[in-house]
């Protein structure tokens, strides 16, 4: 990753978030969400085994992560929660609080 400060980066990976939950097979999982700056905002992407989920571009990182979580839920994932782990190359040492997402009805 480039060492440029985030505010000067035009496009590319800017944050990594952790997502945890239960997959459609009822197994616990934990993966990294890669958040990238795009020409029009931010997009989030996660890979779980051969399943890749990506959000559209949003004006905020939170909106991109929220859409990605919604897509996982629509695919049968449940008990999801996320938190930021890296901003640029800076590790947040698990200091960020978890964001819990209620399961779909």
Protein backbone atom coordinates (compact mmCIF):
# COMPACT_ATOMS: atom_id res chain seq x y z
CA UNK A 1 0.00 0.00 0.00
CA UNK A 2 1.18 3.51 -0.70
CA UNK A 3 2.42 5.53 2.24
CA UNK A 4 0.59 8.66 1.09
CA UNK A 5 -1.78 10.11 3.69
CA UNK A 6 -5.37 8.99 3.07
CA UNK A 7 -6.58 12.47 2.17
CA UNK A 8 -4.11 12.61 -0.74
CA UNK A 9 -4.83 9.13 -2.13
CA UNK A 10 -7.03 9.29 -5.19
CA UNK A 11 -8.07 5.64 -5.49
CA UNK A 12 -7.21 2.33 -3.86
CA UNK A 13 -7.36 0.57 -0.50
CA UNK A 14 -7.92 3.00 2.39
CA UNK A 15 -9.30 0.87 5.26
CA UNK A 16 -9.74 -2.73 6.39
CA UNK A 17 -12.71 -3.75 8.50
CA UNK A 18 -13.34 -7.06 10.20
CA UNK A 19 -16.68 -8.85 9.76
CA UNK A 20 -17.80 -11.71 11.97
CA UNK A 21 -20.93 -13.79 12.03
CA UNK A 22 -22.52 -17.06 11.04
CA UNK A 23 -22.52 -18.33 7.45
CA UNK A 24 -25.49 -20.03 5.73
CA UNK A 25 -24.13 -23.44 6.83
CA UNK A 26 -24.36 -22.31 10.48
CA UNK A 27 -20.57 -22.00 10.88
CA UNK A 28 -18.88 -19.05 12.59
CA UNK A 29 -16.69 -16.98 10.26
CA UNK A 30 -14.36 -13.99 10.41
CA UNK A 31 -13.04 -12.12 7.35
CA UNK A 32 -11.51 -8.80 6.31
CA UNK A 33 -13.56 -6.25 4.39
CA UNK A 34 -11.38 -4.21 2.05
CA UNK A 35 -12.59 -0.62 1.68
CA UNK A 36 -11.30 1.21 -1.38
CA UNK A 37 -11.60 4.79 -2.52
CA UNK A 38 -13.14 4.97 -6.00
CA UNK A 39 -13.62 7.84 -8.41
CA UNK A 40 -17.07 8.46 -6.91
CA UNK A 41 -16.60 7.54 -3.22
CA UNK A 42 -15.94 4.28 -1.39
CA UNK A 43 -16.69 0.62 -2.07
CA UNK A 44 -16.33 -2.43 0.18
CA UNK A 45 -15.41 -5.98 -0.79
CA UNK A 46 -15.18 -9.29 1.07
CA UNK A 47 -14.33 -12.82 -0.04
CA UNK A 48 -15.69 -15.84 1.80
CA UNK A 49 -14.38 -19.06 0.31
CA UNK A 50 -15.31 -18.70 -3.41
CA UNK A 51 -18.11 -16.19 -2.67
CA UNK A 52 -17.18 -12.56 -3.38
CA UNK A 53 -19.45 -9.68 -2.33
CA UNK A 54 -18.86 -6.07 -3.31
CA UNK A 55 -20.82 -2.90 -2.61
CA UNK A 56 -21.51 -0.12 -5.05
CA UNK A 57 -19.69 3.17 -4.58
CA UNK A 58 -21.02 5.32 -1.72
CA UNK A 59 -20.16 8.76 -0.37
CA UNK A 60 -19.12 7.32 3.02
CA UNK A 61 -17.23 4.25 4.19
CA UNK A 62 -20.02 3.41 6.64
CA UNK A 63 -22.60 3.29 3.83
CA UNK A 64 -20.40 1.01 1.70
CA UNK A 65 -19.86 -1.41 4.62
CA UNK A 66 -23.58 -1.34 5.49
CA UNK A 67 -24.57 -2.26 1.91
CA UNK A 68 -22.03 -5.10 1.90
CA UNK A 69 -23.44 -6.46 5.18
CA UNK A 70 -26.95 -6.26 3.71
CA UNK A 71 -25.85 -8.32 0.72
CA UNK A 72 -24.33 -10.93 3.03
CA UNK A 73 -27.58 -11.07 5.01
CA UNK A 74 -29.61 -11.51 1.82
CA UNK A 75 -27.35 -14.49 1.03
CA UNK A 76 -28.13 -16.17 4.35
CA UNK A 77 -25.42 -14.83 6.67
CA UNK A 78 -26.57 -13.86 10.18
CA UNK A 79 -25.42 -12.38 13.52
CA UNK A 80 -23.09 -10.02 11.64
CA UNK A 81 -20.93 -7.35 13.21
CA UNK A 82 -18.09 -5.20 11.87
CA UNK A 83 -15.35 -2.89 13.10
CA UNK A 84 -12.49 -0.97 11.51
CA UNK A 85 -9.09 -2.62 12.05
CA UNK A 86 -6.80 -0.56 9.77
CA UNK A 87 -6.98 3.03 8.54
CA UNK A 88 -4.35 3.18 5.82
CA UNK A 89 -1.38 1.30 7.26
CA UNK A 90 -2.22 2.23 10.87
CA UNK A 91 -3.43 -0.73 12.92
CA UNK A 92 -6.17 0.32 15.32
CA UNK A 93 -5.24 -2.39 17.84
CA UNK A 94 -8.85 -3.54 18.12
CA UNK A 95 -9.79 -0.22 19.82
CA UNK A 96 -12.76 0.44 17.55
CA UNK A 97 -16.16 -0.63 18.82
CA UNK A 98 -18.16 -3.33 17.06
CA UNK A 99 -21.19 -2.38 15.00
CA UNK A 100 -23.91 -5.05 15.27
CA UNK A 101 -26.40 -5.54 12.44
CA UNK A 102 -29.81 -6.98 13.29
CA UNK A 103 -30.71 -10.10 11.34
CA UNK A 104 -33.25 -9.81 8.55
CA UNK A 105 -36.79 -10.74 9.62
